[in-house]
Amino acid sequence: MEPWPVMAGGAVAAAAGLAWLGWRAHEADWGRRTLTVVDGLVRLFCRRWHRLVADPVPLPESGPALLVANHVSGLDPVLMVAAVRRPLRFLIAREQYERRGLRWLFRAMGCIPVDRESRPQQAFREALAALARGEVVALFPGGRIQPPGRPPPPLKRGVARLAALSGAPVLAVHIGGVRGQGRVLGAVFLRARARLVFRGETRCRPGDEARCLARLEAWLTRG
């Protein structure tokens, strides 16, 4: 017997098995079966490989919300997806959004690419529109990944402006235990003992952005 039909049949069976596992493990409905299966696989990967221990994150069951976290590696958004029960719309740097082989996934997830140099306001408007539609927008207010041994970066004001203009609550989580701190793709594969700690929920009122930002900074920069 030619080996190719056997190999092809094995690949199909393996893919079907993964799809079944992902569907059984999913906790968020992304509106598309493929993404919902990916949701389940992400949860299994984080819990089994990265040994994720996550606090319950009390996102509202419906309506807008902002989910913010410190940013230590490329694993961070994966951990955040695995820790909540609603789809997340990530703000993501344009250069990461355009990564070969991953762009289809970022686009399917509804990620919002940010052009830091040319048109950052476009991403801000898209995020505001997503909140107006009752979605959950996830972002890293410190901006770039924090290299190991460096102090956390100051938070950017955009998150407070988004919260004040949309009226959405801001929920803060702190990520720790990542082995590949400072790395992007490498951190996804280096086995960790990941920990996601819920730090608190707040609202930013118009004119109160500075105080709101200080509160978030205290939550996110505390180890």
N, C-alpha and C. Protein backbone atom coordinates (compact mmCIF):
# COMPACT_ATOMS: atom_id res chain seq x y z
N MET A 1 0.85 -1.19 0.00
CA MET A 1 0.00 0.00 0.00
C MET A 1 0.88 1.24 0.00
N GLU A 2 0.51 2.19 -0.85
CA GLU A 2 1.24 3.46 -0.87
C GLU A 2 1.11 4.16 0.48
N PRO A 3 2.22 4.78 0.97
CA PRO A 3 2.14 5.41 2.29
C PRO A 3 1.33 6.69 2.33
N TRP A 4 1.19 7.36 1.18
CA TRP A 4 0.55 8.69 1.21
C TRP A 4 -0.90 8.65 1.65
N PRO A 5 -1.74 7.71 1.14
CA PRO A 5 -3.12 7.67 1.64
C PRO A 5 -3.21 7.43 3.15
N VAL A 6 -2.29 6.57 3.65
CA VAL A 6 -2.30 6.30 5.09
C VAL A 6 -1.93 7.56 5.86
N MET A 7 -0.88 8.27 5.39
CA MET A 7 -0.47 9.50 6.05
C MET A 7 -1.55 10.55 5.99
N ALA A 8 -2.20 10.67 4.82
CA ALA A 8 -3.27 11.65 4.67
C ALA A 8 -4.44 11.33 5.60
N GLY A 9 -4.77 10.04 5.68
CA GLY A 9 -5.84 9.65 6.58
C GLY A 9 -5.50 9.92 8.03
N GLY A 10 -4.24 9.69 8.40
CA GLY A 10 -3.81 9.99 9.76
C GLY A 10 -3.88 11.46 10.08
N ALA A 11 -3.49 12.30 9.09
CA ALA A 11 -3.54 13.75 9.29
C ALA A 11 -4.97 14.22 9.47
N VAL A 12 -5.88 13.66 8.67
CA VAL A 12 -7.29 14.04 8.78
C VAL A 12 -7.85 13.63 10.14
N ALA A 13 -7.49 12.41 10.58
CA ALA A 13 -7.97 11.94 11.88
C ALA A 13 -7.41 12.80 13.01
N ALA A 14 -6.13 13.19 12.90
CA ALA A 14 -5.53 14.03 13.94
C ALA A 14 -6.20 15.40 13.98
N ALA A 15 -6.46 15.97 12.80
CA ALA A 15 -7.12 17.28 12.74
C ALA A 15 -8.53 17.19 13.33
N ALA A 16 -9.23 16.11 13.01
CA ALA A 16 -10.58 15.95 13.55
C ALA A 16 -10.55 15.79 15.07
N GLY A 17 -9.54 15.07 15.56
CA GLY A 17 -9.40 14.90 16.99
C GLY A 17 -9.12 16.21 17.70
N LEU A 18 -8.25 17.03 17.12
CA LEU A 18 -7.95 18.34 17.71
C LEU A 18 -9.19 19.23 17.70
N ALA A 19 -9.94 19.18 16.59
CA ALA A 19 -11.15 20.00 16.51
C ALA A 19 -12.15 19.57 17.58
N TRP A 20 -12.28 18.28 17.79
CA TRP A 20 -13.20 17.78 18.83
C TRP A 20 -12.76 18.24 20.21
N LEU A 21 -11.44 18.13 20.50
CA LEU A 21 -10.93 18.57 21.79
C LEU A 21 -11.16 20.07 21.99
N GLY A 22 -10.86 20.86 20.94
CA GLY A 22 -11.04 22.30 21.05
C GLY A 22 -12.49 22.69 21.28
N TRP A 23 -13.38 22.01 20.57
CA TRP A 23 -14.82 22.34 20.73
C TRP A 23 -15.29 22.01 22.14
N ARG A 24 -14.85 20.89 22.68
CA ARG A 24 -15.27 20.50 24.03
C ARG A 24 -14.71 21.46 25.09
N ALA A 25 -13.51 22.02 24.84
CA ALA A 25 -12.85 22.83 25.86
C ALA A 25 -13.18 24.32 25.76
N HIS A 26 -13.87 24.73 24.70
CA HIS A 26 -14.09 26.18 24.53
C HIS A 26 -15.02 26.73 25.61
N GLU A 27 -14.81 27.98 25.94
CA GLU A 27 -15.66 28.66 26.92
C GLU A 27 -16.21 29.98 26.41
N ALA A 28 -15.71 30.44 25.29
CA ALA A 28 -16.21 31.68 24.69
C ALA A 28 -16.69 31.38 23.28
N ASP A 29 -17.80 31.95 22.90
CA ASP A 29 -18.35 31.77 21.55
C ASP A 29 -17.89 32.93 20.69
N TRP A 30 -17.01 32.65 19.74
CA TRP A 30 -16.44 33.69 18.87
C TRP A 30 -17.29 33.94 17.62
N GLY A 31 -18.40 33.26 17.52
CA GLY A 31 -19.29 33.49 16.38
C GLY A 31 -18.91 32.72 15.13
N ARG A 32 -17.75 32.06 15.14
CA ARG A 32 -17.30 31.23 14.03
C ARG A 32 -16.75 29.94 14.62
N ARG A 33 -17.15 28.83 14.03
CA ARG A 33 -16.76 27.54 14.61
C ARG A 33 -15.25 27.38 14.69
N THR A 34 -14.53 27.82 13.65
CA THR A 34 -13.07 27.65 13.66
C THR A 34 -12.45 28.38 14.83
N LEU A 35 -12.86 29.63 15.06
CA LEU A 35 -12.30 30.40 16.16
C LEU A 35 -12.72 29.84 17.51
N THR A 36 -13.92 29.31 17.58
CA THR A 36 -14.38 28.72 18.84
C THR A 36 -13.57 27.48 19.18
N VAL A 37 -13.22 26.69 18.16
CA VAL A 37 -12.34 25.54 18.37
C VAL A 37 -10.96 26.00 18.82
N VAL A 38 -10.44 27.05 18.18
CA VAL A 38 -9.15 27.61 18.58
C VAL A 38 -9.20 28.07 20.04
N ASP A 39 -10.32 28.67 20.45
CA ASP A 39 -10.50 29.10 21.84
C ASP A 39 -10.27 27.93 22.80
N GLY A 40 -10.85 26.79 22.49
CA GLY A 40 -10.69 25.63 23.35
C GLY A 40 -9.27 25.11 23.35
N LEU A 41 -8.63 25.08 22.19
CA LEU A 41 -7.24 24.61 22.11
C LEU A 41 -6.30 25.54 22.87
N VAL A 42 -6.57 26.83 22.80
CA VAL A 42 -5.76 27.80 23.54
C VAL A 42 -5.86 27.54 25.04
N ARG A 43 -7.06 27.26 25.52
CA ARG A 43 -7.24 27.00 26.95
C ARG A 43 -6.49 25.73 27.38
N LEU A 44 -6.58 24.69 26.56
CA LEU A 44 -5.87 23.46 26.89
C LEU A 44 -4.36 23.69 26.88
N PHE A 45 -3.87 24.42 25.90
CA PHE A 45 -2.44 24.70 25.79
C PHE A 45 -1.94 25.48 27.00
N CYS A 46 -2.68 26.50 27.39
CA CYS A 46 -2.25 27.32 28.52
C CYS A 46 -2.30 26.55 29.83
N ARG A 47 -3.33 25.74 30.01
CA ARG A 47 -3.48 25.03 31.28
C ARG A 47 -2.55 23.82 31.38
N ARG A 48 -2.33 23.12 30.28
CA ARG A 48 -1.52 21.90 30.33
C ARG A 48 -0.03 22.23 30.15
N TRP A 49 0.30 23.05 29.16
CA TRP A 49 1.72 23.32 28.88
C TRP A 49 2.27 24.43 29.77
N HIS A 50 1.56 25.54 29.86
CA HIS A 50 2.05 26.68 30.64
C HIS A 50 1.55 26.66 32.09
N ARG A 51 0.77 25.62 32.44
CA ARG A 51 0.30 25.43 33.82
C ARG A 51 -0.34 26.70 34.38
N LEU A 52 -1.15 27.32 33.53
CA LEU A 52 -1.79 28.59 33.89
C LEU A 52 -2.71 28.43 35.09
N VAL A 53 -2.53 29.31 36.07
CA VAL A 53 -3.47 29.47 37.17
C VAL A 53 -4.00 30.89 37.07
N ALA A 54 -5.30 31.03 36.87
CA ALA A 54 -5.88 32.35 36.62
C ALA A 54 -7.02 32.63 37.59
N ASP A 55 -7.00 33.83 38.15
CA ASP A 55 -8.14 34.29 38.94
C ASP A 55 -9.35 34.45 38.04
N PRO A 56 -10.55 34.28 38.57
CA PRO A 56 -11.74 34.64 37.79
C PRO A 56 -11.71 36.14 37.46
N VAL A 57 -11.98 36.45 36.21
CA VAL A 57 -12.01 37.85 35.79
C VAL A 57 -13.48 38.23 35.56
N PRO A 58 -14.04 39.11 36.40
CA PRO A 58 -15.48 39.37 36.36
C PRO A 58 -15.91 40.32 35.24
N LEU A 59 -15.64 39.92 34.01
CA LEU A 59 -16.16 40.71 32.89
C LEU A 59 -17.69 40.66 32.91
N PRO A 60 -18.35 41.74 32.52
CA PRO A 60 -19.82 41.67 32.41
C PRO A 60 -20.21 40.63 31.37
N GLU A 61 -21.34 39.99 31.56
CA GLU A 61 -21.78 38.95 30.62
C GLU A 61 -22.07 39.53 29.25
N SER A 62 -22.43 40.78 29.20
CA SER A 62 -22.66 41.46 27.92
C SER A 62 -22.31 42.93 28.10
N GLY A 63 -22.18 43.63 26.99
CA GLY A 63 -21.86 45.05 27.06
C GLY A 63 -20.37 45.29 27.02
N PRO A 64 -19.99 46.56 26.87
CA PRO A 64 -18.59 46.90 26.66
C PRO A 64 -17.74 46.76 27.90
N ALA A 65 -16.46 46.49 27.69
CA ALA A 65 -15.49 46.46 28.79
C ALA A 65 -14.10 46.59 28.19
N LEU A 66 -13.18 47.11 28.99
CA LEU A 66 -11.77 47.17 28.64
C LEU A 66 -11.02 46.22 29.56
N LEU A 67 -10.20 45.35 28.97
CA LEU A 67 -9.36 44.45 29.76
C LEU A 67 -7.91 44.84 29.53
N VAL A 68 -7.21 45.19 30.60
CA VAL A 68 -5.84 45.68 30.46
C VAL A 68 -4.89 44.81 31.29
N ALA A 69 -3.64 44.75 30.85
CA ALA A 69 -2.64 43.93 31.54
C ALA A 69 -1.26 44.52 31.33
N ASN A 70 -0.34 44.12 32.21
CA ASN A 70 1.06 44.39 31.96
C ASN A 70 1.52 43.53 30.78
N HIS A 71 2.63 43.89 30.16
CA HIS A 71 3.04 43.22 28.92
C HIS A 71 4.47 42.73 29.06
N VAL A 72 4.64 41.42 29.28
CA VAL A 72 5.98 40.88 29.49
C VAL A 72 6.45 39.98 28.34
N SER A 73 5.52 39.55 27.46
CA SER A 73 5.94 38.64 26.39
C SER A 73 4.83 38.50 25.35
N GLY A 74 5.15 37.76 24.30
CA GLY A 74 4.15 37.46 23.28
C GLY A 74 3.13 36.44 23.73
N LEU A 75 3.35 35.81 24.88
CA LEU A 75 2.38 34.85 25.41
C LEU A 75 1.20 35.54 26.09
N ASP A 76 1.37 36.79 26.46
CA ASP A 76 0.36 37.49 27.28
C ASP A 76 -1.05 37.44 26.69
N PRO A 77 -1.24 37.78 25.41
CA PRO A 77 -2.63 37.75 24.90
C PRO A 77 -3.22 36.35 24.89
N VAL A 78 -2.38 35.34 24.70
CA VAL A 78 -2.87 33.95 24.72
C VAL A 78 -3.40 33.61 26.11
N LEU A 79 -2.67 34.02 27.14
CA LEU A 79 -3.10 33.77 28.52
C LEU A 79 -4.40 34.51 28.82
N MET A 80 -4.54 35.73 28.31
CA MET A 80 -5.75 36.50 28.56
C MET A 80 -6.97 35.85 27.91
N VAL A 81 -6.81 35.35 26.70
CA VAL A 81 -7.90 34.64 26.04
C VAL A 81 -8.33 33.43 26.87
N ALA A 82 -7.34 32.72 27.42
CA ALA A 82 -7.63 31.50 28.19
C ALA A 82 -8.26 31.78 29.54
N ALA A 83 -8.20 33.03 30.00
CA ALA A 83 -8.64 33.35 31.35
C ALA A 83 -10.05 33.94 31.41
N VAL A 84 -10.64 34.26 30.27
CA VAL A 84 -11.96 34.90 30.29
C VAL A 84 -12.94 34.13 29.42
N ARG A 85 -14.21 34.48 29.53
CA ARG A 85 -15.25 33.74 28.82
C ARG A 85 -15.96 34.57 27.77
N ARG A 86 -15.28 35.61 27.30
CA ARG A 86 -15.83 36.39 26.19
C ARG A 86 -14.72 36.60 25.16
N PRO A 87 -15.09 36.75 23.89
CA PRO A 87 -14.07 37.07 22.87
C PRO A 87 -13.42 38.42 23.17
N LEU A 88 -12.15 38.54 22.84
CA LEU A 88 -11.40 39.77 23.09
C LEU A 88 -10.95 40.39 21.77
N ARG A 89 -11.13 41.70 21.66
CA ARG A 89 -10.62 42.46 20.51
C ARG A 89 -9.33 43.14 20.94
N PHE A 90 -8.20 42.59 20.53
CA PHE A 90 -6.90 43.12 20.95
C PHE A 90 -6.46 44.28 20.07
N LEU A 91 -5.92 45.31 20.70
CA LEU A 91 -5.14 46.29 19.99
C LEU A 91 -3.74 45.72 19.85
N ILE A 92 -3.22 45.69 18.64
CA ILE A 92 -1.96 45.02 18.38
C ILE A 92 -1.11 45.88 17.44
N ALA A 93 0.18 45.94 17.70
CA ALA A 93 1.08 46.72 16.85
C ALA A 93 1.01 46.22 15.42
N ARG A 94 1.02 47.16 14.47
CA ARG A 94 0.90 46.81 13.06
C ARG A 94 1.95 45.78 12.63
N GLU A 95 3.19 45.91 13.12
CA GLU A 95 4.23 44.98 12.69
C GLU A 95 3.96 43.56 13.18
N GLN A 96 3.26 43.41 14.32
CA GLN A 96 2.88 42.09 14.78
C GLN A 96 1.66 41.57 14.02
N TYR A 97 0.74 42.46 13.72
CA TYR A 97 -0.47 42.11 12.98
C TYR A 97 -0.13 41.54 11.60
N GLU A 98 0.94 42.04 11.00
CA GLU A 98 1.32 41.64 9.65
C GLU A 98 2.24 40.42 9.62
N ARG A 99 2.47 39.77 10.74
CA ARG A 99 3.36 38.60 10.76
C ARG A 99 2.85 37.52 9.80
N ARG A 100 3.75 37.00 8.99
CA ARG A 100 3.38 35.97 8.03
C ARG A 100 2.90 34.72 8.77
N GLY A 101 1.80 34.18 8.30
CA GLY A 101 1.24 32.97 8.89
C GLY A 101 0.27 33.23 10.03
N LEU A 102 0.27 34.45 10.58
CA LEU A 102 -0.62 34.75 11.70
C LEU A 102 -1.65 35.83 11.36
N ARG A 103 -1.43 36.52 10.25
CA ARG A 103 -2.33 37.63 9.92
C ARG A 103 -3.78 37.16 9.79
N TRP A 104 -3.98 35.97 9.20
CA TRP A 104 -5.35 35.46 9.02
C TRP A 104 -6.05 35.31 10.37
N LEU A 105 -5.27 34.84 11.38
CA LEU A 105 -5.85 34.64 12.70
C LEU A 105 -6.17 35.97 13.37
N PHE A 106 -5.23 36.92 13.31
CA PHE A 106 -5.47 38.22 13.92
C PHE A 106 -6.67 38.92 13.27
N ARG A 107 -6.76 38.76 11.95
CA ARG A 107 -7.89 39.40 11.25
C ARG A 107 -9.21 38.73 11.64
N ALA A 108 -9.21 37.39 11.69
CA ALA A 108 -10.43 36.66 12.05
C ALA A 108 -10.88 37.00 13.46
N MET A 109 -9.92 37.23 14.36
CA MET A 109 -10.24 37.56 15.75
C MET A 109 -10.72 39.00 15.90
N GLY A 110 -10.60 39.81 14.84
CA GLY A 110 -11.01 41.20 14.94
C GLY A 110 -9.99 42.08 15.63
N CYS A 111 -8.71 41.65 15.64
CA CYS A 111 -7.67 42.48 16.24
C CYS A 111 -7.60 43.83 15.53
N ILE A 112 -7.24 44.84 16.28
CA ILE A 112 -7.18 46.20 15.75
C ILE A 112 -5.72 46.60 15.64
N PRO A 113 -5.18 46.70 14.40
CA PRO A 113 -3.76 47.05 14.26
C PRO A 113 -3.51 48.52 14.57
N VAL A 114 -2.41 48.78 15.25
CA VAL A 114 -2.05 50.15 15.65
C VAL A 114 -0.79 50.58 14.89
N ASP A 115 -0.91 51.65 14.10
CA ASP A 115 0.25 52.26 13.47
C ASP A 115 0.78 53.32 14.43
N ARG A 116 1.83 52.97 15.16
CA ARG A 116 2.33 53.87 16.20
C ARG A 116 2.84 55.19 15.63
N GLU A 117 3.41 55.14 14.44
CA GLU A 117 4.07 56.33 13.91
C GLU A 117 3.15 57.18 13.05
N SER A 118 2.28 56.53 12.23
CA SER A 118 1.54 57.31 11.24
C SER A 118 0.10 57.63 11.64
N ARG A 119 -0.69 56.58 12.03
CA ARG A 119 -2.12 56.83 12.26
C ARG A 119 -2.62 56.14 13.53
N PRO A 120 -2.09 56.48 14.67
CA PRO A 120 -2.57 55.83 15.91
C PRO A 120 -4.03 56.16 16.22
N GLN A 121 -4.51 57.31 15.77
CA GLN A 121 -5.90 57.70 16.07
C GLN A 121 -6.92 56.82 15.37
N GLN A 122 -6.53 56.21 14.25
CA GLN A 122 -7.46 55.31 13.56
C GLN A 122 -7.78 54.10 14.43
N ALA A 123 -6.76 53.54 15.07
CA ALA A 123 -6.98 52.41 15.96
C ALA A 123 -7.84 52.83 17.16
N PHE A 124 -7.61 54.04 17.66
CA PHE A 124 -8.40 54.55 18.78
C PHE A 124 -9.87 54.62 18.39
N ARG A 125 -10.16 55.11 17.19
CA ARG A 125 -11.56 55.20 16.74
C ARG A 125 -12.18 53.82 16.56
N GLU A 126 -11.40 52.87 16.04
CA GLU A 126 -11.92 51.51 15.87
C GLU A 126 -12.22 50.87 17.22
N ALA A 127 -11.36 51.09 18.19
CA ALA A 127 -11.58 50.55 19.52
C ALA A 127 -12.83 51.17 20.15
N LEU A 128 -13.00 52.45 19.97
CA LEU A 128 -14.18 53.14 20.51
C LEU A 128 -15.45 52.61 19.87
N ALA A 129 -15.39 52.33 18.56
CA ALA A 129 -16.55 51.78 17.86
C ALA A 129 -16.86 50.36 18.36
N ALA A 130 -15.82 49.56 18.62
CA ALA A 130 -16.04 48.21 19.14
C ALA A 130 -16.71 48.26 20.51
N LEU A 131 -16.28 49.19 21.35
CA LEU A 131 -16.91 49.34 22.67
C LEU A 131 -18.37 49.77 22.52
N ALA A 132 -18.63 50.64 21.56
CA ALA A 132 -20.01 51.09 21.33
C ALA A 132 -20.91 49.93 20.90
N ARG A 133 -20.30 48.91 20.28
CA ARG A 133 -21.07 47.72 19.87
C ARG A 133 -21.18 46.71 21.01
N GLY A 134 -20.62 47.03 22.17
CA GLY A 134 -20.74 46.13 23.31
C GLY A 134 -19.68 45.06 23.38
N GLU A 135 -18.54 45.27 22.72
CA GLU A 135 -17.48 44.26 22.71
C GLU A 135 -16.48 44.52 23.83
N VAL A 136 -15.59 43.53 24.04
CA VAL A 136 -14.52 43.66 25.03
C VAL A 136 -13.22 43.95 24.28
N VAL A 137 -12.62 45.07 24.58
CA VAL A 137 -11.36 45.47 23.95
C VAL A 137 -10.23 45.21 24.94
N ALA A 138 -9.20 44.50 24.50
CA ALA A 138 -8.06 44.17 25.35
C ALA A 138 -6.82 44.90 24.86
N LEU A 139 -6.05 45.43 25.79
CA LEU A 139 -4.84 46.17 25.39
C LEU A 139 -3.83 46.18 26.52
N PHE A 140 -2.62 46.55 26.14
CA PHE A 140 -1.51 46.68 27.07
C PHE A 140 -1.14 48.16 27.15
N PRO A 141 -1.60 48.85 28.18
CA PRO A 141 -1.43 50.31 28.24
C PRO A 141 0.02 50.77 28.32
N GLY A 142 0.93 49.87 28.70
CA GLY A 142 2.34 50.24 28.73
C GLY A 142 2.98 50.25 27.37
N GLY A 143 2.29 49.72 26.36
CA GLY A 143 2.83 49.72 25.01
C GLY A 143 3.67 48.49 24.74
N ARG A 144 4.94 48.69 24.55
CA ARG A 144 5.84 47.60 24.14
C ARG A 144 6.09 46.61 25.28
N ILE A 145 6.59 45.43 24.88
CA ILE A 145 6.93 44.39 25.85
C ILE A 145 8.03 44.88 26.79
N GLN A 146 7.85 44.56 28.06
CA GLN A 146 8.82 44.95 29.08
C GLN A 146 9.97 43.95 29.11
N PRO A 147 11.21 44.37 28.79
CA PRO A 147 12.35 43.43 28.84
C PRO A 147 12.65 43.03 30.28
N PRO A 148 13.23 41.86 30.49
CA PRO A 148 13.56 41.43 31.85
C PRO A 148 14.57 42.38 32.49
N GLY A 149 14.37 42.64 33.78
CA GLY A 149 15.28 43.51 34.51
C GLY A 149 15.04 44.99 34.33
N ARG A 150 14.06 45.34 33.52
CA ARG A 150 13.74 46.75 33.29
C ARG A 150 12.51 47.14 34.09
N PRO A 151 12.42 48.39 34.53
CA PRO A 151 11.20 48.83 35.23
C PRO A 151 10.02 48.89 34.27
N PRO A 152 8.81 48.70 34.76
CA PRO A 152 7.64 48.78 33.88
C PRO A 152 7.53 50.16 33.24
N PRO A 153 7.10 50.24 31.99
CA PRO A 153 6.96 51.53 31.34
C PRO A 153 5.74 52.29 31.86
N PRO A 154 5.76 53.61 31.78
CA PRO A 154 4.56 54.37 32.19
C PRO A 154 3.40 54.06 31.25
N LEU A 155 2.20 54.13 31.77
CA LEU A 155 1.03 53.82 30.95
C LEU A 155 0.70 54.98 30.03
N LYS A 156 0.19 54.64 28.86
CA LYS A 156 -0.24 55.66 27.91
C LYS A 156 -1.66 56.11 28.25
N ARG A 157 -1.97 57.34 27.92
CA ARG A 157 -3.24 57.93 28.32
C ARG A 157 -4.43 57.40 27.54
N GLY A 158 -4.17 56.71 26.43
CA GLY A 158 -5.26 56.28 25.56
C GLY A 158 -6.29 55.42 26.25
N VAL A 159 -5.85 54.54 27.17
CA VAL A 159 -6.79 53.65 27.84
C VAL A 159 -7.78 54.44 28.69
N ALA A 160 -7.30 55.48 29.38
CA ALA A 160 -8.19 56.31 30.20
C ALA A 160 -9.16 57.09 29.32
N ARG A 161 -8.69 57.56 28.17
CA ARG A 161 -9.57 58.29 27.25
C ARG A 161 -10.64 57.37 26.70
N LEU A 162 -10.24 56.15 26.31
CA LEU A 162 -11.22 55.18 25.81
C LEU A 162 -12.30 54.90 26.85
N ALA A 163 -11.87 54.70 28.10
CA ALA A 163 -12.82 54.40 29.16
C ALA A 163 -13.74 55.58 29.44
N ALA A 164 -13.19 56.79 29.44
CA ALA A 164 -13.99 57.97 29.74
C ALA A 164 -15.01 58.24 28.64
N LEU A 165 -14.59 58.07 27.39
CA LEU A 165 -15.50 58.37 26.27
C LEU A 165 -16.56 57.29 26.09
N SER A 166 -16.21 56.05 26.40
CA SER A 166 -17.16 54.94 26.17
C SER A 166 -18.02 54.64 27.38
N GLY A 167 -17.55 55.02 28.58
CA GLY A 167 -18.25 54.65 29.80
C GLY A 167 -18.05 53.20 30.20
N ALA A 168 -17.16 52.49 29.50
CA ALA A 168 -16.94 51.07 29.78
C ALA A 168 -16.09 50.89 31.03
N PRO A 169 -16.34 49.86 31.82
CA PRO A 169 -15.47 49.57 32.97
C PRO A 169 -14.11 49.07 32.49
N VAL A 170 -13.09 49.32 33.31
CA VAL A 170 -11.74 48.84 33.00
C VAL A 170 -11.37 47.79 34.03
N LEU A 171 -11.03 46.59 33.57
CA LEU A 171 -10.63 45.50 34.45
C LEU A 171 -9.14 45.24 34.23
N ALA A 172 -8.39 45.20 35.32
CA ALA A 172 -6.93 45.06 35.23
C ALA A 172 -6.49 43.70 35.74
N VAL A 173 -5.59 43.06 34.99
CA VAL A 173 -5.00 41.80 35.41
C VAL A 173 -3.48 41.92 35.33
N HIS A 174 -2.81 41.19 36.21
CA HIS A 174 -1.35 41.18 36.21
C HIS A 174 -0.86 39.79 35.82
N ILE A 175 0.06 39.74 34.84
CA ILE A 175 0.58 38.49 34.32
C ILE A 175 1.97 38.24 34.90
N GLY A 176 2.19 37.05 35.40
CA GLY A 176 3.49 36.68 35.95
C GLY A 176 3.79 35.22 35.65
N GLY A 177 4.99 34.78 36.02
CA GLY A 177 5.37 33.38 35.86
C GLY A 177 5.72 32.98 34.45
N VAL A 178 5.87 33.96 33.54
CA VAL A 178 6.20 33.66 32.15
C VAL A 178 7.71 33.45 32.04
N ARG A 179 8.10 32.34 31.50
CA ARG A 179 9.52 32.01 31.43
C ARG A 179 10.26 32.83 30.36
N GLY A 180 9.60 33.12 29.29
CA GLY A 180 10.27 33.81 28.19
C GLY A 180 10.04 35.31 28.20
N GLN A 181 10.17 35.94 29.36
CA GLN A 181 9.92 37.39 29.43
C GLN A 181 10.82 38.14 28.46
N GLY A 182 10.23 39.09 27.76
CA GLY A 182 10.95 39.89 26.79
C GLY A 182 10.91 39.32 25.39
N ARG A 183 10.46 38.08 25.23
CA ARG A 183 10.41 37.45 23.91
C ARG A 183 8.98 37.52 23.35
N VAL A 184 8.90 37.37 22.05
CA VAL A 184 7.58 37.38 21.40
C VAL A 184 7.15 35.93 21.16
N LEU A 185 7.62 35.31 20.09
CA LEU A 185 7.20 33.95 19.79
C LEU A 185 7.87 32.93 20.71
N GLY A 186 9.11 33.18 21.13
CA GLY A 186 9.80 32.24 21.98
C GLY A 186 9.07 31.97 23.28
N ALA A 187 8.43 32.99 23.83
CA ALA A 187 7.72 32.82 25.10
C ALA A 187 6.52 31.89 24.97
N VAL A 188 5.98 31.77 23.77
CA VAL A 188 4.82 30.89 23.57
C VAL A 188 5.21 29.43 23.77
N PHE A 189 6.46 29.08 23.45
CA PHE A 189 6.86 27.68 23.48
C PHE A 189 7.67 27.30 24.72
N LEU A 190 8.29 28.27 25.40
CA LEU A 190 9.03 27.96 26.62
C LEU A 190 8.06 27.67 27.76
N ARG A 191 8.10 26.47 28.30
CA ARG A 191 7.11 26.09 29.31
C ARG A 191 7.23 26.97 30.54
N ALA A 192 6.10 27.43 31.03
CA ALA A 192 6.07 28.38 32.14
C ALA A 192 5.14 27.87 33.25
N ARG A 193 5.15 28.61 34.33
CA ARG A 193 4.14 28.46 35.38
C ARG A 193 3.39 29.79 35.45
N ALA A 194 2.56 29.98 34.45
CA ALA A 194 1.91 31.27 34.26
C ALA A 194 0.87 31.54 35.34
N ARG A 195 0.78 32.81 35.71
CA ARG A 195 -0.18 33.23 36.74
C ARG A 195 -0.84 34.51 36.26
N LEU A 196 -2.15 34.55 36.30
CA LEU A 196 -2.90 35.74 35.93
C LEU A 196 -3.74 36.15 37.14
N VAL A 197 -3.41 37.32 37.68
CA VAL A 197 -4.05 37.79 38.91
C VAL A 197 -4.97 38.97 38.58
N PHE A 198 -6.22 38.85 39.01
CA PHE A 198 -7.15 39.97 38.83
C PHE A 198 -6.85 41.03 39.88
N ARG A 199 -6.60 42.28 39.43
CA ARG A 199 -6.20 43.33 40.35
C ARG A 199 -7.32 44.31 40.71
N GLY A 200 -8.32 44.43 39.87
CA GLY A 200 -9.40 45.34 40.23
C GLY A 200 -10.14 45.88 39.02
N GLU A 201 -11.23 46.56 39.30
CA GLU A 201 -12.08 47.16 38.27
C GLU A 201 -12.30 48.62 38.63
N THR A 202 -12.29 49.46 37.62
CA THR A 202 -12.51 50.88 37.84
C THR A 202 -13.22 51.48 36.64
N ARG A 203 -13.66 52.70 36.82
CA ARG A 203 -14.23 53.49 35.72
C ARG A 203 -13.50 54.82 35.65
N CYS A 204 -13.35 55.31 34.45
CA CYS A 204 -12.67 56.59 34.23
C CYS A 204 -13.72 57.61 33.78
N ARG A 205 -13.92 58.62 34.58
CA ARG A 205 -14.88 59.66 34.23
C ARG A 205 -14.19 60.76 33.43
N PRO A 206 -14.92 61.45 32.57
CA PRO A 206 -14.33 62.59 31.87
C PRO A 206 -13.77 63.61 32.87
N GLY A 207 -12.55 64.01 32.63
CA GLY A 207 -11.89 64.94 33.53
C GLY A 207 -11.15 64.27 34.67
N ASP A 208 -11.31 62.95 34.80
CA ASP A 208 -10.68 62.21 35.89
C ASP A 208 -9.65 61.20 35.35
N GLU A 209 -9.20 61.44 34.11
CA GLU A 209 -8.33 60.46 33.46
C GLU A 209 -7.01 60.26 34.20
N ALA A 210 -6.43 61.33 34.74
CA ALA A 210 -5.13 61.22 35.40
C ALA A 210 -5.22 60.33 36.63
N ARG A 211 -6.27 60.49 37.42
CA ARG A 211 -6.43 59.67 38.62
C ARG A 211 -6.69 58.22 38.24
N CYS A 212 -7.49 58.03 37.21
CA CYS A 212 -7.79 56.67 36.73
C CYS A 212 -6.51 55.98 36.26
N LEU A 213 -5.68 56.71 35.52
CA LEU A 213 -4.44 56.16 35.01
C LEU A 213 -3.49 55.79 36.15
N ALA A 214 -3.45 56.63 37.17
CA ALA A 214 -2.59 56.33 38.33
C ALA A 214 -3.05 55.06 39.03
N ARG A 215 -4.35 54.87 39.12
CA ARG A 215 -4.88 53.66 39.77
C ARG A 215 -4.49 52.42 38.97
N LEU A 216 -4.65 52.49 37.64
CA LEU A 216 -4.29 51.36 36.79
C LEU A 216 -2.79 51.07 36.87
N GLU A 217 -2.00 52.13 36.90
CA GLU A 217 -0.55 51.94 36.96
C GLU A 217 -0.14 51.23 38.25
N ALA A 218 -0.79 51.57 39.35
CA ALA A 218 -0.49 50.91 40.62
C ALA A 218 -0.84 49.40 40.53
N TRP A 219 -1.94 49.09 39.89
CA TRP A 219 -2.34 47.68 39.76
C TRP A 219 -1.41 46.90 38.85
N LEU A 220 -1.03 47.50 37.72
CA LEU A 220 -0.30 46.76 36.70
C LEU A 220 1.20 46.67 36.96
N THR A 221 1.75 47.62 37.69
CA THR A 221 3.20 47.61 37.89
C THR A 221 3.61 46.93 39.19
N ARG A 222 2.64 46.56 40.01
CA ARG A 222 2.95 45.86 41.25
C ARG A 222 3.16 44.38 40.94
N GLY A 223 4.31 43.84 41.29
CA GLY A 223 4.65 42.46 40.97
C GLY A 223 3.81 41.44 41.73
